[in-house]
Amino acid sequence: MCIRDRYMGAENLLTKRKRPATSQAGDGQGPRKGNNQAKRDFTHAKGAPKGNKELRGGKEQDRDKVKHSFAKRLNRLYNEVLMKTTDKVTKRKLINDILGLIGDGYSKVILKHDGCRVLQACLKYGDRAQREKILTSMFALDVAELIKG
């Protein structure tokens, strides 16, 4: 006789109670109480659409896509620059691509943490002419705007 038999009694072992069947047969839902249970509201979930984004116009969504693609291309080039297997000549070409992609938008890039890292890598791995180009364009910016940033 095991410990369980002592506490439960022999009659409980002979007449085991089954759980009441609450779900339909074969629906795979488990022990649910039918359809009267309220459905969950997933509007505040992470992947749920936001109300403001649905109301925004197409032009703003297009601008967001352009910003995202700009940052994505910039980060892709930055990752290639940081690769140890990339030789110096290729790194200089990649830095020229980064500087061409940035254009005159140094003020926007400096204020972003990803963009700032990209410019640091350009200063580290670029040649003298590229460094001078970056620094002259950075010092030409309005300091008060950068401080407010």
Protein backbone atom coordinates (compact mmCIF):
# COMPACT_ATOMS: atom_id res chain seq x y z
CA MET A 1 0.00 0.00 0.00
CA CYS A 2 1.46 3.37 -0.98
CA ILE A 3 1.10 6.69 0.80
CA ARG A 4 -1.50 7.86 -1.68
CA ASP A 5 -3.78 4.98 -0.80
CA ARG A 6 -3.68 5.86 2.87
CA TYR A 7 -4.82 9.42 2.35
CA MET A 8 -7.28 8.98 -0.49
CA GLY A 9 -8.93 5.81 0.65
CA ALA A 10 -9.50 2.72 -1.40
CA GLU A 11 -12.92 3.82 -2.67
CA ASN A 12 -11.46 6.87 -4.42
CA LEU A 13 -8.99 4.70 -6.30
CA LEU A 14 -11.72 2.45 -7.61
CA THR A 15 -14.01 5.25 -8.73
CA LYS A 16 -11.69 7.76 -10.39
CA ARG A 17 -13.43 10.92 -11.38
CA LYS A 18 -12.91 12.15 -14.86
CA ARG A 19 -12.75 15.79 -15.74
CA PRO A 20 -15.97 17.03 -17.22
CA ALA A 21 -15.80 17.41 -20.97
CA THR A 22 -16.19 21.10 -21.63
CA SER A 23 -14.96 21.36 -25.20
CA GLN A 24 -16.38 19.87 -28.35
CA ALA A 25 -14.94 16.56 -29.45
CA GLY A 26 -11.98 16.96 -31.75
CA ASP A 27 -11.83 20.77 -31.75
CA GLY A 28 -8.44 20.79 -30.02
CA GLN A 29 -9.41 23.61 -27.70
CA GLY A 30 -8.93 21.80 -24.40
CA PRO A 31 -11.02 22.57 -21.33
CA ARG A 32 -12.97 25.63 -22.48
CA LYS A 33 -16.45 26.49 -21.42
CA GLY A 34 -18.06 26.84 -24.80
CA ASN A 35 -18.47 30.02 -26.80
CA ASN A 36 -19.73 32.25 -23.99
CA GLN A 37 -16.17 33.14 -22.97
CA ALA A 38 -15.22 36.69 -23.98
CA LYS A 39 -12.67 37.03 -26.75
CA ARG A 40 -9.40 38.68 -25.88
CA ASP A 41 -8.64 42.15 -27.09
CA PHE A 42 -5.26 42.30 -28.81
CA THR A 43 -5.37 45.92 -29.90
CA HIS A 44 -2.59 46.88 -27.50
CA ALA A 45 -0.32 43.98 -28.43
CA LYS A 46 3.13 44.61 -29.84
CA GLY A 47 2.28 43.79 -33.45
CA ALA A 48 -1.18 45.33 -33.44
CA PRO A 49 -1.84 48.27 -35.75
CA LYS A 50 -1.77 51.63 -34.06
CA GLY A 51 -4.71 53.94 -34.43
CA ASN A 52 -2.67 56.99 -35.45
CA LYS A 53 -0.81 55.16 -38.19
CA GLU A 54 -4.05 54.07 -39.77
CA LEU A 55 -5.20 57.69 -39.95
CA ARG A 56 -1.97 59.06 -41.38
CA GLY A 57 -1.75 59.93 -45.03
CA GLY A 58 0.24 58.04 -47.62
CA LYS A 59 2.90 60.75 -47.91
CA GLU A 60 3.94 60.40 -44.27
CA GLN A 61 4.14 56.63 -44.57
CA ASP A 62 6.29 57.01 -47.68
CA ARG A 63 8.60 59.41 -45.80
CA ASP A 64 8.93 56.86 -42.99
CA LYS A 65 9.84 54.17 -45.52
CA VAL A 66 12.50 56.43 -47.04
CA LYS A 67 13.97 57.19 -43.60
CA HIS A 68 13.98 53.51 -42.75
CA SER A 69 15.64 52.51 -46.01
CA PHE A 70 18.25 55.28 -45.54
CA ALA A 71 19.13 54.01 -42.07
CA LYS A 72 19.13 50.43 -43.26
CA ARG A 73 21.53 51.15 -46.13
CA LEU A 74 23.74 53.24 -43.85
CA ASN A 75 23.93 50.45 -41.26
CA ARG A 76 24.64 47.84 -43.93
CA LEU A 77 27.58 49.84 -45.25
CA TYR A 78 28.75 50.50 -41.67
CA ASN A 79 28.75 46.77 -40.92
CA GLU A 80 30.82 46.08 -44.02
CA VAL A 81 33.33 48.73 -42.94
CA LEU A 82 33.70 47.11 -39.53
CA MET A 83 34.37 43.64 -40.92
CA LYS A 84 37.95 42.57 -40.25
CA THR A 85 38.11 40.68 -43.53
CA THR A 86 37.50 43.85 -45.56
CA ASP A 87 40.72 45.33 -46.95
CA LYS A 88 41.64 49.02 -46.76
CA VAL A 89 40.83 49.84 -50.37
CA THR A 90 37.34 48.38 -50.06
CA LYS A 91 36.81 50.21 -46.77
CA ARG A 92 37.67 53.52 -48.43
CA LYS A 93 35.19 52.80 -51.23
CA LEU A 94 32.52 51.94 -48.67
CA ILE A 95 33.24 55.15 -46.77
CA ASN A 96 32.88 57.11 -50.02
CA ASP A 97 29.50 55.40 -50.48
CA ILE A 98 28.51 56.35 -46.92
CA LEU A 99 29.55 59.97 -47.43
CA GLY A 100 27.69 60.09 -50.73
CA LEU A 101 24.62 58.64 -49.06
CA ILE A 102 24.75 61.20 -46.25
CA GLY A 103 25.32 64.12 -48.62
CA ASP A 104 24.58 67.37 -46.78
CA GLY A 105 22.51 65.68 -44.06
CA TYR A 106 25.23 65.60 -41.41
CA SER A 107 23.04 67.39 -38.89
CA LYS A 108 20.44 64.60 -39.10
CA VAL A 109 23.02 61.82 -38.93
CA ILE A 110 24.96 63.27 -36.00
CA LEU A 111 21.90 63.44 -33.78
CA LYS A 112 21.08 59.73 -34.22
CA HIS A 113 23.03 57.16 -32.21
CA ASP A 114 23.44 54.84 -35.21
CA GLY A 115 24.53 57.68 -37.46
CA CYS A 116 27.03 58.91 -34.94
CA ARG A 117 28.64 55.46 -34.82
CA VAL A 118 28.79 55.39 -38.60
CA LEU A 119 30.61 58.73 -38.67
CA GLN A 120 33.01 57.51 -35.96
CA ALA A 121 33.86 54.48 -38.09
CA CYS A 122 34.36 56.75 -41.10
CA LEU A 123 36.77 58.88 -39.11
CA LYS A 124 38.61 55.80 -37.89
CA TYR A 125 38.96 53.90 -41.17
CA GLY A 126 38.85 56.69 -43.74
CA ASP A 127 41.83 58.32 -45.40
CA ARG A 128 42.96 61.87 -44.76
CA ALA A 129 40.74 63.48 -47.43
CA GLN A 130 37.64 61.68 -46.15
CA ARG A 131 38.36 62.73 -42.56
CA GLU A 132 38.82 66.35 -43.61
CA LYS A 133 35.55 66.26 -45.53
CA ILE A 134 33.67 64.89 -42.52
CA LEU A 135 35.20 67.31 -40.04
CA THR A 136 34.77 70.42 -42.19
CA SER A 137 31.11 69.59 -42.79
CA MET A 138 30.60 68.87 -39.07
CA PHE A 139 32.20 72.13 -37.94
CA ALA A 140 30.17 74.06 -40.51
CA LEU A 141 26.98 73.04 -38.70
CA ASP A 142 25.22 75.31 -36.28
CA VAL A 143 26.47 74.48 -32.77
CA ALA A 144 23.30 75.76 -31.12
CA GLU A 145 21.23 73.32 -33.18
CA LEU A 146 23.46 70.43 -32.11
CA ILE A 147 23.23 71.40 -28.45
CA LYS A 148 19.42 71.49 -28.59
CA GLY A 149 19.43 68.12 -30.38
